[in-house]
Amino acid sequence: MAFDDMLSEHQAYLFERNGFVNAGPLISEAEADQLADEILTIIERREDPNSPQPLRIANLSREAEKPIWQIVNIWQASEAFSQLLKNEKLKHYISKLTGKSDFRIWHDQVQYKPSHVGGRLSWHQDLPKWPVMKGGTQLTAWIALDDAGPQNGCMVMVPGSHLRGNQNEWLHQHDGRWQLGHNDSFMSEPTQVLCPVQKGHVHFHDSLTWHSSGPNLSGQPRRAIALHFMDTETLFNCQGDHLMKEHIASEDGQPIQGYPFLPI
């Protein structure tokens, strides 16, 4: 089957209108299982000086007993994840969704919510968390390594929110209690859509789409990897700060270069 046949015009339309879309299968269940096991291995060996390490391993949850494990640039520590970045379907999907062909990996990010105790992730947008960027186009490919549904903390998104600009400070301030904070009906009563994703499937969202995820109340883990992409028109803002900033080799206002920032 040709790659273009695997992503319909309607799916591309939904991405443009809503700011997110489930694109369907990307990798096999066996490949997803291998990657899921790799996550556990890398967490276990995170303090081993003789093992390759990702750029960062941290617990994003405000509650230590309800962890959300984040691993940034796991590809540095895992050949299997390094190979995932070279998946040819991703390039075709992104080109069809955006109409552009020149994209690079900004960074990857594993999100692992253990069974029963995996915590909630608050409402946010991605791009405002990357203040070293300006201009260009950015999007995320979110690949489920376990079935992700309401019981184990799948994502929730607000359709059309990517057209509202930077609302991240307001989202953090109200975090779901939106009726208290705005007279605009879109802002105070936004439509919230659950986004379940099957193991091995990929879900795309725009860098300004509002999203969150609930706690993992199930007996199953929720492991996934988000691949954050930027196009070659994305420029460096030296006034911003980010974990990746020290790896950028560009002058202020120039296209972001440096590190590998792997092309796709």
Protein backbone atom coordinates (compact mmCIF):
# COMPACT_ATOMS: atom_id res chain seq x y z
CA MET A 1 0.00 0.00 0.00
CA ALA A 2 1.34 3.46 -0.91
CA PHE A 3 1.92 5.76 2.04
CA ASP A 4 -0.46 8.37 0.62
CA ASP A 5 -3.23 5.78 0.65
CA MET A 6 -2.78 5.37 4.41
CA LEU A 7 -3.73 8.96 5.28
CA SER A 8 -6.92 10.26 3.73
CA GLU A 9 -7.72 13.76 2.54
CA HIS A 10 -10.39 13.86 5.25
CA GLN A 11 -7.78 13.16 7.94
CA ALA A 12 -5.62 15.98 6.58
CA TYR A 13 -8.69 18.25 6.65
CA LEU A 14 -9.42 17.29 10.26
CA PHE A 15 -5.86 18.13 11.27
CA GLU A 16 -6.13 21.56 9.66
CA ARG A 17 -9.55 22.26 11.21
CA ASN A 18 -9.15 20.70 14.66
CA GLY A 19 -5.40 20.82 15.22
CA PHE A 20 -5.14 17.06 15.78
CA VAL A 21 -5.87 13.75 14.08
CA ASN A 22 -5.37 10.03 14.63
CA ALA A 23 -3.44 8.82 11.58
CA GLY A 24 -3.76 5.12 12.41
CA PRO A 25 -1.11 2.37 12.35
CA LEU A 26 2.57 3.33 12.23
CA ILE A 27 4.46 0.38 13.74
CA SER A 28 3.58 -3.23 14.54
CA GLU A 29 2.51 -4.40 18.00
CA ALA A 30 5.76 -6.35 18.27
CA GLU A 31 7.77 -3.19 17.55
CA ALA A 32 5.70 -1.27 20.09
CA ASP A 33 6.35 -3.97 22.71
CA GLN A 34 10.09 -3.79 22.07
CA LEU A 35 10.11 -0.02 22.50
CA ALA A 36 7.97 -0.22 25.64
CA ASP A 37 10.44 -2.67 27.18
CA GLU A 38 13.31 -0.34 26.24
CA ILE A 39 11.71 2.43 28.32
CA LEU A 40 11.75 0.27 31.45
CA THR A 41 15.34 -0.77 30.81
CA ILE A 42 16.54 2.81 30.42
CA ILE A 43 14.74 3.96 33.55
CA GLU A 44 16.29 1.09 35.52
CA ARG A 45 19.82 1.92 34.34
CA ARG A 46 19.49 5.71 34.62
CA GLU A 47 22.21 5.91 37.29
CA ASP A 48 24.59 3.46 35.60
CA PRO A 49 27.65 5.43 34.39
CA ASN A 50 28.55 2.63 31.99
CA SER A 51 25.24 2.74 30.10
CA PRO A 52 24.33 5.25 27.38
CA GLN A 53 21.95 7.87 28.72
CA PRO A 54 19.24 10.06 27.21
CA LEU A 55 19.40 13.82 27.54
CA ARG A 56 17.06 13.82 30.54
CA ILE A 57 15.02 11.50 32.76
CA ALA A 58 12.57 13.16 35.17
CA ASN A 59 9.24 12.77 36.96
CA LEU A 60 6.86 15.45 35.62
CA SER A 61 4.23 14.85 38.28
CA ARG A 62 3.86 17.21 41.22
CA GLU A 63 3.27 14.13 43.37
CA ALA A 64 6.21 11.73 43.73
CA GLU A 65 3.91 8.82 44.45
CA LYS A 66 1.99 9.43 41.18
CA PRO A 67 4.81 9.60 38.64
CA ILE A 68 4.77 10.60 35.00
CA TRP A 69 8.16 9.57 33.71
CA GLN A 70 9.61 11.83 31.04
CA ILE A 71 12.64 10.78 29.00
CA VAL A 72 14.03 13.34 26.55
CA ASN A 73 16.02 12.12 23.54
CA ILE A 74 15.80 8.47 24.42
CA TRP A 75 17.20 7.81 20.94
CA GLN A 76 20.66 8.63 22.36
CA ALA A 77 20.38 5.63 24.68
CA SER A 78 18.49 3.16 22.48
CA GLU A 79 19.15 1.91 18.97
CA ALA A 80 15.51 0.82 18.67
CA PHE A 81 14.27 4.36 19.31
CA SER A 82 16.96 5.75 17.01
CA GLN A 83 15.56 3.58 14.22
CA LEU A 84 12.02 4.81 14.95
CA LEU A 85 13.09 8.35 14.02
CA LYS A 86 13.88 7.05 10.52
CA ASN A 87 10.39 5.62 9.94
CA GLU A 88 9.49 6.51 6.35
CA LYS A 89 5.76 6.73 7.05
CA LEU A 90 6.32 9.67 9.39
CA LYS A 91 7.83 11.79 6.63
CA HIS A 92 4.91 11.08 4.30
CA TYR A 93 2.31 11.72 6.99
CA ILE A 94 3.85 15.03 8.04
CA SER A 95 4.18 16.20 4.45
CA LYS A 96 0.54 15.42 3.76
CA LEU A 97 -0.69 17.08 6.97
CA THR A 98 1.32 20.28 6.58
CA GLY A 99 1.98 20.58 2.86
CA LYS A 100 5.69 20.90 3.66
CA SER A 101 8.51 18.41 3.19
CA ASP A 102 11.53 19.78 5.07
CA PHE A 103 11.18 18.87 8.74
CA ARG A 104 13.65 17.99 11.46
CA ILE A 105 13.35 16.34 14.86
CA TRP A 106 13.38 19.00 17.58
CA HIS A 107 13.53 16.33 20.26
CA ASP A 108 11.74 13.18 21.34
CA GLN A 109 9.97 12.71 24.65
CA VAL A 110 8.83 9.50 26.29
CA GLN A 111 5.81 9.74 28.58
CA TYR A 112 5.25 6.77 30.87
CA LYS A 113 2.40 6.54 33.36
CA PRO A 114 2.74 3.41 35.52
CA SER A 115 -0.40 1.38 36.26
CA HIS A 116 -2.65 2.57 39.12
CA VAL A 117 -0.39 5.46 40.14
CA GLY A 118 0.46 7.29 36.91
CA GLY A 119 -0.44 10.95 37.40
CA ARG A 120 -2.43 13.57 35.51
CA LEU A 121 -0.79 16.04 33.10
CA SER A 122 -2.26 19.55 33.25
CA TRP A 123 -3.62 21.53 30.30
CA HIS A 124 -0.95 23.12 28.13
CA GLN A 125 0.32 23.94 24.66
CA ASP A 126 3.66 22.69 23.36
CA LEU A 127 5.05 25.70 21.49
CA PRO A 128 5.06 28.11 24.46
CA LYS A 129 7.24 25.56 26.26
CA TRP A 130 9.78 26.00 23.46
CA PRO A 131 10.52 29.75 23.78
CA VAL A 132 13.77 29.38 21.84
CA MET A 133 11.61 29.06 18.70
CA LYS A 134 9.82 31.63 16.60
CA GLY A 135 8.02 31.36 13.28
CA GLY A 136 7.86 28.22 11.20
CA THR A 137 5.66 25.16 11.70
CA GLN A 138 5.87 22.63 14.52
CA LEU A 139 3.84 19.52 15.28
CA THR A 140 4.01 16.38 17.37
CA ALA A 141 3.65 12.71 16.43
CA TRP A 142 2.43 10.85 19.54
CA ILE A 143 2.98 7.09 19.21
CA ALA A 144 1.23 4.74 21.63
CA LEU A 145 3.35 1.85 22.90
CA ASP A 146 0.41 0.55 24.98
CA ASP A 147 -3.27 0.96 24.17
CA ALA A 148 -4.11 4.44 25.52
CA GLY A 149 -7.70 5.06 26.60
CA PRO A 150 -9.68 6.95 29.24
CA GLN A 151 -8.84 4.49 32.02
CA ASN A 152 -5.06 4.73 31.66
CA GLY A 153 -4.69 8.41 30.85
CA CYS A 154 -5.12 9.04 27.14
CA MET A 155 -4.86 12.59 25.86
CA VAL A 156 -7.74 15.06 25.79
CA MET A 157 -7.74 17.85 23.20
CA VAL A 158 -9.76 20.95 22.34
CA PRO A 159 -10.59 21.16 18.62
CA GLY A 160 -9.79 24.49 17.01
CA SER A 161 -7.70 25.68 19.94
CA HIS A 162 -4.57 25.84 17.77
CA LEU A 163 -6.11 28.87 16.05
CA ARG A 164 -6.25 30.85 19.32
CA GLY A 165 -2.55 31.65 19.60
CA ASN A 166 -0.53 31.39 22.80
CA GLN A 167 -2.92 30.74 25.69
CA ASN A 168 -0.53 28.72 27.83
CA GLU A 169 -0.41 31.09 30.81
CA TRP A 170 -4.21 31.18 30.93
CA LEU A 171 -4.40 27.39 30.66
CA HIS A 172 -1.97 26.97 33.55
CA GLN A 173 -3.81 29.51 35.66
CA HIS A 174 -7.20 27.86 35.28
CA ASP A 175 -6.28 24.26 34.30
CA GLY A 176 -9.75 23.10 33.34
CA ARG A 177 -11.70 25.57 35.53
CA TRP A 178 -12.13 27.72 32.45
CA GLN A 179 -15.59 29.07 33.19
CA LEU A 180 -13.99 31.18 35.93
CA GLY A 181 -11.56 32.92 33.67
CA HIS A 182 -13.07 34.23 30.43
CA ASN A 183 -16.18 35.78 28.89
CA ASP A 184 -15.47 34.24 25.46
CA SER A 185 -17.61 31.09 25.21
CA PHE A 186 -14.88 29.21 23.32
CA MET A 187 -12.43 29.91 26.13
CA SER A 188 -14.83 29.36 29.03
CA GLU A 189 -16.69 26.31 27.66
CA PRO A 190 -14.34 24.59 25.19
CA THR A 191 -15.24 21.24 23.67
CA GLN A 192 -13.01 18.53 25.12
CA VAL A 193 -12.36 15.43 23.01
CA LEU A 194 -10.91 12.20 24.35
CA CYS A 195 -8.17 10.90 22.04
CA PRO A 196 -7.67 7.15 22.56
CA VAL A 197 -4.78 5.70 20.56
CA GLN A 198 -4.19 2.01 19.90
CA LYS A 199 -0.79 0.42 20.45
CA GLY A 200 1.43 1.11 17.46
CA HIS A 201 -0.79 3.90 16.12
CA VAL A 202 0.24 7.55 15.74
CA HIS A 203 -1.72 10.66 16.71
CA PHE A 204 -0.62 14.08 15.42
CA HIS A 205 -1.28 17.45 17.01
CA ASP A 206 -0.33 21.03 16.24
CA SER A 207 2.11 22.74 18.59
CA LEU A 208 -0.60 25.18 19.76
CA THR A 209 -3.40 22.64 20.33
CA TRP A 210 -4.61 22.61 23.93
CA HIS A 211 -4.19 19.17 25.48
CA SER A 212 -3.93 17.33 28.76
CA SER A 213 -4.15 13.73 29.96
CA GLY A 214 -5.81 12.07 32.91
CA PRO A 215 -4.32 9.77 35.55
CA ASN A 216 -3.72 6.08 34.94
CA LEU A 217 -6.33 4.35 37.09
CA SER A 218 -6.04 1.03 35.30
CA GLY A 219 -3.95 -2.06 35.88
CA GLN A 220 -2.09 -1.44 32.62
CA PRO A 221 0.83 0.92 31.96
CA ARG A 222 0.54 3.81 29.54
CA ARG A 223 3.77 4.24 27.61
CA ALA A 224 4.13 6.49 24.59
CA ILE A 225 6.71 8.53 22.74
CA ALA A 226 6.13 12.02 21.39
CA LEU A 227 8.30 13.07 18.47
CA HIS A 228 8.41 16.86 18.20
CA PHE A 229 9.08 18.17 14.70
CA MET A 230 10.00 21.63 13.38
CA ASP A 231 10.30 22.80 9.80
CA THR A 232 13.41 24.45 8.40
CA GLU A 233 11.74 27.88 8.66
CA THR A 234 11.72 27.69 12.46
CA LEU A 235 14.02 30.44 13.76
CA PHE A 236 16.15 30.70 16.90
CA ASN A 237 15.06 33.13 19.62
CA CYS A 238 18.11 33.62 21.83
CA GLN A 239 16.01 35.31 24.53
CA GLY A 240 14.19 32.06 25.32
CA ASP A 241 15.36 29.17 27.46
CA HIS A 242 15.01 25.41 27.01
CA LEU A 243 16.82 22.18 27.76
CA MET A 244 17.90 22.03 24.11
CA LYS A 245 19.19 25.62 23.91
CA GLU A 246 22.83 24.77 24.59
CA HIS A 247 22.79 22.47 21.55
CA ILE A 248 21.63 25.17 19.12
CA ALA A 249 24.41 26.47 16.88
CA SER A 250 22.49 29.31 15.20
CA GLU A 251 22.62 33.08 15.50
CA ASP A 252 19.53 34.83 16.84
CA GLY A 253 16.82 35.00 14.18
CA GLN A 254 18.44 32.34 11.99
CA PRO A 255 17.00 28.86 11.23
CA ILE A 256 17.63 26.48 14.11
CA GLN A 257 20.67 24.29 13.51
CA GLY A 258 23.08 22.27 15.61
CA TYR A 259 23.05 19.01 17.58
CA PRO A 260 21.93 16.36 15.15
CA PHE A 261 18.37 17.82 14.91
CA LEU A 262 17.84 14.82 12.69
CA PRO A 263 16.18 15.42 9.30
CA ILE A 264 13.30 13.21 8.25
